Amino acid sequence: MVDRDTLAIPCAASPDRVDIYSGVARLSQTLWASRWRAQPLQQDVVVLIVHPTSNFLGHYALRPLAELGVDAVGLTTRFIGNDTSLTMEDCVVDVGAAIRHLRDLGYRRVVLVGNSGGGGLAALYQSQAERPTITATPAGDPPDLTAADLPPADALVMAMAHPGRATVFTEYLDPAIVDEARPFDRDPDLDMFDPRNGPAYSREFVVRYREAQLARNRRITRWVRERLEWLRTESPTTPDGMRIDNLPFVVHGTAADPRFLDLTLDPSDRQATTLWGHPWVANYQPATLGHLTSLRAWLSQWSVDESRANAPAELPHVSAPVQVVYGSADTAAFPSHASAMFDAITHDRRELTVIKGADHYFRGQPELAREMCEHIVRWARETG
């Protein structure tokens, strides 16, 4: 028997920016979270599950965690369902507000779980909570995390997580698109969907492909910087001096990782597919990663060189215990991702656990989801 309630978490809005379109949400200065409570009631340990944009109010792990004896909270940041204007630094502030609220409710220990794209966010959060260094977003905007008073979590879990949105986005980015305005004019020498290239893909092809993915990400970043400078100095202004400082744009081809079709790359038990179906279709459909973004959000979220939400880069600065849990059949977060995060941890309070046969969302696998939750609860108690 478990109980469920909704938490209204106070969080300061951005006073001078419209970062979400809804004025109701923006002005309420409230984040929402779903809490599942263990029976009998306890306030020793709470598990907080986070992601930059996903709606975790109904997260699959909440109920089993509560059934296993710890309270579990699924958080929505201010950017729920909205990649377009998301800045990772503001997500850090939102996670901080949630942890502070849980402390105020009386919980002795908070275990922060970064699930999927929440892995990079959780690592960035804990790094900045322990040793804050960031004073602005890559575009130079607030927040100043050194002044944010971020309460550290007591332990971290990277659950079915990849290293960060910019990293995985670049690994998914289609380098055959060489003209951003003409997404179907493709370079055949860099086309993973051209049968002449594979699958299976040669080592030489994969090396060229990865280099071209980085180059495309960096081309977009240079263009973004140029557009921001143009807006700052030359964009049209109103008679009273009002100027546009941000614009949206489209990125085509965001589901083209060769690992989606070639199972010999980063071998695992996964199927040859993506989270959104066949790679060729997912590569262009709007619902996949990062298709619609904005100049300032690109730098914070998708730029491989400028985004700070990079777990392998942040975990060396984390002193809290860290557990990395991954699924052997995951089609989004690969074994090398888990290894990179685990290897980045510089202390011995760490654990690497594989859930054999688990896919990214545990679809039709409730027993494996519960297995992951059992590992998280054990970790929470062992590190207490």
Protein backbone atom coordinates (compact mmCIF):
# COMPACT_ATOMS: atom_id res chain seq x y z
CA MET A 1 0.00 0.00 0.00
CA VAL A 2 1.48 3.35 -1.05
CA ASP A 3 0.11 6.89 -1.15
CA ARG A 4 0.53 9.49 -3.87
CA ASP A 5 0.40 13.27 -3.65
CA THR A 6 1.51 16.30 -5.64
CA LEU A 7 4.21 18.69 -4.48
CA ALA A 8 4.09 22.41 -5.33
CA ILE A 9 7.72 23.51 -5.19
CA PRO A 10 8.52 27.24 -4.90
CA CYS A 11 10.96 28.38 -7.58
CA ALA A 12 11.86 31.91 -8.60
CA ALA A 13 10.93 32.82 -12.17
CA SER A 14 13.33 34.51 -14.56
CA PRO A 15 12.38 38.14 -13.92
CA ASP A 16 13.43 39.62 -17.26
CA ARG A 17 13.06 36.68 -19.67
CA VAL A 18 10.17 34.87 -21.28
CA ASP A 19 11.72 31.40 -21.18
CA ILE A 20 8.38 29.55 -21.33
CA TYR A 21 5.41 30.81 -23.31
CA SER A 22 2.78 30.28 -20.61
CA GLY A 23 2.43 33.33 -18.42
CA VAL A 24 0.39 31.30 -15.95
CA ALA A 25 3.24 28.84 -15.47
CA ARG A 26 5.93 31.50 -15.59
CA LEU A 27 4.37 33.81 -13.04
CA SER A 28 3.25 31.08 -10.64
CA GLN A 29 6.90 30.53 -9.65
CA THR A 30 6.01 26.91 -8.95
CA LEU A 31 7.45 23.61 -10.09
CA TRP A 32 5.37 20.45 -9.86
CA ALA A 33 6.38 17.00 -8.72
CA SER A 34 4.62 13.72 -8.05
CA ARG A 35 5.47 11.98 -4.75
CA TRP A 36 4.81 8.34 -3.97
CA ARG A 37 5.07 7.64 -0.24
CA ALA A 38 6.17 4.41 1.37
CA GLN A 39 4.08 2.78 4.09
CA PRO A 40 4.63 3.08 6.97
CA LEU A 41 5.48 6.73 6.44
CA GLN A 42 9.16 7.59 6.72
CA GLN A 43 11.34 10.65 6.19
CA ASP A 44 14.73 9.01 6.14
CA VAL A 45 15.33 8.71 2.37
CA VAL A 46 13.67 10.27 -0.66
CA VAL A 47 14.63 9.50 -4.26
CA LEU A 48 14.30 12.44 -6.68
CA ILE A 49 14.15 11.53 -10.40
CA VAL A 50 15.01 14.33 -12.86
CA HIS A 51 15.24 15.12 -16.57
CA PRO A 52 15.57 18.49 -18.35
CA THR A 53 12.23 18.30 -20.22
CA SER A 54 10.42 15.00 -19.67
CA ASN A 55 7.19 14.77 -17.70
CA PHE A 56 8.22 12.55 -14.79
CA LEU A 57 4.98 12.96 -12.84
CA GLY A 58 4.07 9.43 -13.91
CA HIS A 59 7.56 7.92 -14.02
CA TYR A 60 7.58 4.12 -14.07
CA ALA A 61 9.99 3.89 -11.10
CA LEU A 62 7.96 5.94 -8.60
CA ARG A 63 5.55 3.27 -7.42
CA PRO A 64 8.05 0.39 -7.15
CA LEU A 65 10.49 2.60 -5.25
CA ALA A 66 7.76 3.44 -2.73
CA GLU A 67 6.77 -0.22 -2.50
CA LEU A 68 10.40 -0.98 -1.67
CA GLY A 69 10.28 1.40 1.29
CA VAL A 70 11.58 4.80 0.17
CA ASP A 71 9.62 7.87 -0.88
CA ALA A 72 10.01 8.70 -4.57
CA VAL A 73 9.51 12.02 -6.37
CA GLY A 74 9.28 12.67 -10.12
CA LEU A 75 10.13 16.28 -11.00
CA THR A 76 9.10 18.46 -13.92
CA THR A 77 11.38 21.43 -14.60
CA ARG A 78 10.05 24.74 -15.93
CA PHE A 79 10.88 23.44 -19.43
CA ILE A 80 8.56 20.43 -19.38
CA GLY A 81 8.00 19.36 -22.99
CA ASN A 82 9.88 22.43 -24.26
CA ASP A 83 13.37 21.99 -25.68
CA THR A 84 13.17 25.21 -27.65
CA SER A 85 14.23 27.70 -24.99
CA LEU A 86 15.76 25.32 -22.45
CA THR A 87 18.95 26.27 -20.66
CA MET A 88 20.63 23.63 -18.55
CA GLU A 89 21.70 26.19 -15.96
CA ASP A 90 18.04 27.02 -15.24
CA CYS A 91 17.32 23.30 -14.94
CA VAL A 92 20.05 23.17 -12.29
CA VAL A 93 18.25 25.94 -10.38
CA ASP A 94 15.00 23.94 -10.62
CA VAL A 95 16.63 20.78 -9.26
CA GLY A 96 18.06 22.85 -6.43
CA ALA A 97 14.60 24.18 -5.59
CA ALA A 98 13.26 20.62 -5.46
CA ILE A 99 16.04 19.34 -3.18
CA ARG A 100 15.65 22.36 -0.89
CA HIS A 101 11.90 21.72 -0.69
CA LEU A 102 12.46 18.06 0.19
CA ARG A 103 14.90 19.06 2.93
CA ASP A 104 12.28 21.49 4.25
CA LEU A 105 9.76 18.64 4.33
CA GLY A 106 12.08 16.84 6.73
CA TYR A 107 13.87 14.25 4.60
CA ARG A 108 17.25 13.33 6.04
CA ARG A 109 18.79 12.09 2.78
CA VAL A 110 18.09 12.92 -0.87
CA VAL A 111 19.22 10.53 -3.61
CA LEU A 112 19.29 12.30 -6.98
CA VAL A 113 18.52 10.06 -9.96
CA GLY A 114 19.35 11.33 -13.43
CA ASN A 115 17.31 9.19 -15.79
CA SER A 116 18.07 9.13 -19.54
CA GLY A 117 18.85 12.76 -20.47
CA GLY A 118 18.76 13.54 -16.77
CA GLY A 119 22.20 11.97 -16.33
CA GLY A 120 24.09 14.99 -17.56
CA LEU A 121 21.81 17.29 -15.59
CA ALA A 122 22.24 15.36 -12.32
CA ALA A 123 26.03 15.30 -12.69
CA LEU A 124 26.13 19.01 -13.49
CA TYR A 125 23.85 19.75 -10.56
CA GLN A 126 25.92 17.87 -8.00
CA SER A 127 29.18 19.29 -9.31
CA GLN A 128 27.85 22.83 -8.98
CA ALA A 129 26.22 22.14 -5.61
CA GLU A 130 29.50 20.88 -4.20
CA ARG A 131 31.80 23.42 -5.90
CA PRO A 132 29.92 26.12 -7.81
CA THR A 133 31.84 27.77 -10.65
CA ILE A 134 29.27 28.80 -13.29
CA THR A 135 28.25 32.46 -13.27
CA ALA A 136 26.19 32.57 -16.49
CA THR A 137 24.92 30.45 -19.38
CA PRO A 138 27.20 30.05 -22.42
CA ALA A 139 25.27 32.95 -23.99
CA GLY A 140 26.09 35.14 -20.99
CA ASP A 141 22.63 35.08 -19.40
CA PRO A 142 21.59 34.39 -15.79
CA PRO A 143 21.51 32.35 -13.61
CA ASP A 144 24.68 32.69 -11.56
CA LEU A 145 25.03 29.26 -9.97
CA THR A 146 27.70 30.49 -7.56
CA ALA A 147 24.96 32.57 -5.91
CA ALA A 148 22.15 30.01 -6.20
CA ASP A 149 22.68 28.24 -2.84
CA LEU A 150 22.32 24.75 -4.28
CA PRO A 151 21.92 22.05 -1.59
CA PRO A 152 23.96 18.95 -2.53
CA ALA A 153 22.30 15.57 -2.86
CA ASP A 154 23.58 12.78 -0.62
CA ALA A 155 24.08 10.28 -3.45
CA LEU A 156 23.70 10.13 -7.23
CA VAL A 157 22.31 7.50 -9.57
CA MET A 158 22.81 7.60 -13.34
CA ALA A 159 19.86 5.41 -14.41
CA MET A 160 19.55 4.30 -18.04
CA ALA A 161 21.41 7.55 -18.69
CA HIS A 162 23.61 8.89 -21.43
CA PRO A 163 26.43 11.36 -20.69
CA GLY A 164 24.50 14.48 -21.70
CA ARG A 165 22.23 15.96 -24.32
CA ALA A 166 24.97 17.67 -26.33
CA THR A 167 27.07 14.51 -26.43
CA VAL A 168 24.32 12.13 -27.50
CA PHE A 169 22.79 14.72 -29.86
CA THR A 170 26.14 14.99 -31.66
CA GLU A 171 26.44 11.20 -31.81
CA TYR A 172 22.97 11.15 -33.40
CA LEU A 173 23.54 14.13 -35.73
CA ASP A 174 23.42 13.30 -39.46
CA PRO A 175 26.68 14.47 -41.11
CA ALA A 176 25.35 13.70 -44.60
CA ILE A 177 23.34 16.94 -44.34
CA VAL A 178 25.83 19.53 -45.50
CA ASP A 179 23.37 22.35 -46.28
CA GLU A 180 21.08 23.15 -43.33
CA ALA A 181 18.46 24.57 -45.70
CA ARG A 182 18.39 21.47 -47.97
CA PRO A 183 18.06 18.43 -45.67
CA PHE A 184 17.53 15.87 -48.45
CA ASP A 185 20.63 16.87 -50.43
CA ARG A 186 22.94 14.31 -48.89
CA ASP A 187 26.66 13.62 -49.13
CA PRO A 188 26.79 9.95 -50.20
CA ASP A 189 30.23 9.47 -48.67
CA LEU A 190 28.83 10.31 -45.23
CA ASP A 191 25.42 8.65 -45.56
CA MET A 192 24.82 5.78 -43.13
CA PHE A 193 21.59 4.99 -44.98
CA ASP A 194 23.41 4.43 -48.30
CA PRO A 195 23.84 0.62 -48.66
CA ARG A 196 27.26 1.17 -50.21
CA ASN A 197 28.49 2.29 -46.79
CA GLY A 198 26.82 -0.44 -44.69
CA PRO A 199 25.80 -1.78 -42.33
CA ALA A 200 28.14 -3.20 -41.28
CA TYR A 201 30.20 0.00 -41.34
CA SER A 202 33.95 -0.07 -41.74
CA ARG A 203 36.19 1.43 -39.08
CA GLU A 204 37.38 4.01 -41.61
CA PHE A 205 33.78 5.06 -42.34
CA VAL A 206 32.92 5.36 -38.65
CA VAL A 207 35.99 7.51 -37.95
CA ARG A 208 35.14 9.87 -40.83
CA TYR A 209 31.50 9.87 -39.78
CA ARG A 210 32.24 10.82 -36.16
CA GLU A 211 34.59 13.59 -37.28
CA ALA A 212 31.94 14.96 -39.63
CA GLN A 213 29.31 14.89 -36.86
CA LEU A 214 31.56 17.00 -34.65
CA ALA A 215 32.24 19.33 -37.55
CA ARG A 216 28.52 19.83 -38.22
CA ASN A 217 27.78 20.55 -34.57
CA ARG A 218 30.59 23.09 -34.53
CA ARG A 219 29.42 24.71 -37.79
CA ILE A 220 26.01 25.23 -36.23
CA THR A 221 27.61 26.66 -33.09
CA ARG A 222 29.66 29.14 -35.14
CA TRP A 223 26.52 30.16 -37.02
CA VAL A 224 24.66 30.59 -33.71
CA ARG A 225 27.41 32.84 -32.37
CA GLU A 226 27.34 34.89 -35.56
CA ARG A 227 23.56 35.29 -35.40
CA LEU A 228 23.68 36.33 -31.74
CA GLU A 229 26.29 38.96 -32.56
CA TRP A 230 24.17 40.17 -35.48
CA LEU A 231 21.13 40.44 -33.21
CA ARG A 232 23.20 42.33 -30.65
CA THR A 233 24.56 44.89 -33.10
CA GLU A 234 22.36 45.01 -36.19
CA SER A 235 18.90 43.57 -35.61
CA PRO A 236 15.94 45.92 -36.20
CA THR A 237 14.88 47.89 -33.17
CA THR A 238 11.72 49.69 -32.15
CA PRO A 239 11.73 53.51 -31.78
CA ASP A 240 12.18 53.08 -28.03
CA GLY A 241 15.21 50.81 -28.49
CA MET A 242 13.68 47.36 -28.02
CA ARG A 243 15.79 44.69 -29.75
CA ILE A 244 15.34 40.97 -30.43
CA ASP A 245 18.01 38.90 -28.65
CA ASN A 246 17.03 35.34 -29.61
CA LEU A 247 15.55 33.43 -32.55
CA PRO A 248 14.32 29.86 -33.13
CA PHE A 249 15.72 27.60 -35.83
CA VAL A 250 15.38 24.04 -37.16
CA VAL A 251 18.00 21.28 -37.14
CA HIS A 252 17.29 18.36 -39.49
CA GLY A 253 18.71 14.86 -39.17
CA THR A 254 18.95 14.06 -35.45
CA ALA A 255 18.68 10.24 -35.31
CA ALA A 256 21.60 9.00 -37.39
CA ASP A 257 23.95 7.17 -35.06
CA PRO A 258 25.54 4.20 -36.90
CA ARG A 259 24.97 2.13 -33.76
CA PHE A 260 21.25 2.22 -34.54
CA LEU A 261 21.80 -0.10 -37.53
CA ASP A 262 25.14 -1.80 -36.85
CA LEU A 263 25.00 -3.94 -33.71
CA THR A 264 28.72 -4.70 -33.92
CA LEU A 265 29.41 -1.12 -32.85
CA ASP A 266 29.26 -0.79 -29.06
CA PRO A 267 27.90 -4.38 -28.83
CA SER A 268 24.90 -5.06 -26.59
CA ASP A 269 21.61 -6.97 -26.57
CA ARG A 270 19.71 -4.12 -28.27
CA GLN A 271 17.60 -4.25 -31.42
CA ALA A 272 18.59 -2.35 -34.58
CA THR A 273 16.27 0.63 -34.11
CA THR A 274 15.83 3.91 -32.22
CA LEU A 275 13.49 5.06 -29.46
CA TRP A 276 11.30 6.54 -32.20
CA GLY A 277 11.25 3.72 -34.74
CA HIS A 278 13.35 3.18 -37.86
CA PRO A 279 16.31 5.59 -37.99
CA TRP A 280 15.54 6.95 -41.47
CA VAL A 281 12.07 8.07 -40.38
CA ALA A 282 13.15 9.16 -36.90
CA ASN A 283 15.98 11.16 -38.43
CA TYR A 284 13.51 13.66 -39.89
CA GLN A 285 10.37 13.47 -37.78
CA PRO A 286 9.80 16.42 -35.42
CA ALA A 287 9.38 14.38 -32.23
CA THR A 288 13.03 13.34 -31.99
CA LEU A 289 15.83 15.23 -30.25
CA GLY A 290 16.66 18.84 -30.91
CA HIS A 291 14.76 19.49 -34.16
CA LEU A 292 13.49 22.87 -32.98
CA THR A 293 15.70 25.03 -30.80
CA SER A 294 16.79 28.62 -30.33
CA LEU A 295 20.13 30.37 -30.49
CA ARG A 296 20.66 30.70 -26.76
CA ALA A 297 19.28 27.25 -25.95
CA TRP A 298 21.58 25.67 -28.55
CA LEU A 299 24.68 26.86 -26.72
CA SER A 300 23.50 25.61 -23.33
CA GLN A 301 21.87 22.38 -24.45
CA TRP A 302 23.12 21.04 -27.79
CA SER A 303 26.56 22.55 -28.49
CA VAL A 304 29.13 19.80 -27.93
CA ASP A 305 31.77 22.38 -26.98
CA GLU A 306 29.72 24.82 -24.92
CA SER A 307 27.09 22.83 -23.02
CA ARG A 308 28.14 22.09 -19.45
CA ALA A 309 25.72 19.17 -18.88
CA ASN A 310 28.36 16.54 -19.61
CA ALA A 311 28.49 13.78 -17.00
CA PRO A 312 32.04 12.49 -17.72
CA ALA A 313 33.31 16.07 -17.46
CA GLU A 314 31.40 16.85 -14.24
CA LEU A 315 31.61 13.58 -12.29
CA PRO A 316 35.33 14.03 -11.46
CA HIS A 317 34.25 17.01 -9.35
CA VAL A 318 31.62 15.04 -7.42
CA SER A 319 32.47 13.62 -4.00
CA ALA A 320 29.05 12.01 -3.32
CA PRO A 321 28.57 8.27 -3.97
CA VAL A 322 27.58 7.53 -7.58
CA GLN A 323 25.81 4.48 -8.96
CA VAL A 324 25.62 3.90 -12.74
CA VAL A 325 22.81 1.55 -13.85
CA TYR A 326 22.31 0.65 -17.50
CA GLY A 327 20.31 -1.80 -19.58
CA SER A 328 21.98 -4.30 -21.85
CA ALA A 329 19.25 -3.85 -24.52
CA ASP A 330 19.04 -0.05 -24.38
CA THR A 331 18.78 1.53 -27.84
CA ALA A 332 19.56 5.08 -26.64
CA ALA A 333 22.16 4.87 -23.87
CA PHE A 334 24.94 2.47 -24.83
CA PRO A 335 27.42 0.43 -22.76
CA SER A 336 30.22 2.85 -23.62
CA HIS A 337 28.13 5.68 -22.15
CA ALA A 338 27.85 3.85 -18.83
CA SER A 339 31.56 3.03 -18.84
CA ALA A 340 32.53 6.63 -19.61
CA MET A 341 30.51 7.91 -16.65
CA PHE A 342 31.73 5.21 -14.28
CA ASP A 343 35.38 5.71 -15.28
CA ALA A 344 35.06 9.47 -14.71
CA ILE A 345 34.29 9.02 -10.99
CA THR A 346 37.50 9.63 -9.07
CA HIS A 347 36.61 8.00 -5.73
CA ASP A 348 35.80 4.44 -4.72
CA ARG A 349 32.20 5.03 -3.61
CA ARG A 350 30.94 4.03 -7.02
CA GLU A 351 29.07 1.13 -8.59
CA LEU A 352 28.41 -0.04 -12.14
CA THR A 353 25.35 -2.28 -12.58
CA VAL A 354 23.84 -3.79 -15.72
CA ILE A 355 20.18 -4.83 -15.98
CA LYS A 356 20.34 -7.77 -18.37
CA GLY A 357 17.80 -7.48 -21.20
CA ALA A 358 16.43 -4.07 -20.16
CA ASP A 359 15.57 -1.55 -22.85
CA HIS A 360 15.50 2.21 -22.31
CA TYR A 361 11.92 2.46 -21.05
CA PHE A 362 11.47 -1.11 -19.72
CA ARG A 363 8.58 -1.56 -22.16
CA GLY A 364 6.79 -4.75 -21.17
CA GLN A 365 9.51 -5.39 -18.58
CA PRO A 366 8.06 -4.40 -15.19
CA GLU A 367 10.14 -7.03 -13.43
CA LEU A 368 13.34 -5.47 -14.83
CA ALA A 369 12.18 -1.97 -13.85
CA ARG A 370 11.68 -3.27 -10.33
CA GLU A 371 15.15 -4.83 -10.43
CA MET A 372 16.60 -1.40 -11.21
CA CYS A 373 14.61 0.10 -8.34
CA GLU A 374 15.92 -2.58 -5.99
CA HIS A 375 19.47 -1.59 -6.90
CA ILE A 376 18.68 2.10 -6.31
CA VAL A 377 17.11 1.43 -2.90
CA ARG A 378 20.00 -0.79 -1.87
CA TRP A 379 22.46 1.90 -2.97
CA ALA A 380 20.55 4.59 -1.09
CA ARG A 381 20.69 2.55 2.11
CA GLU A 382 24.27 1.34 1.74
CA THR A 383 25.58 4.88 1.20
CA GLY A 384 23.60 6.33 4.11
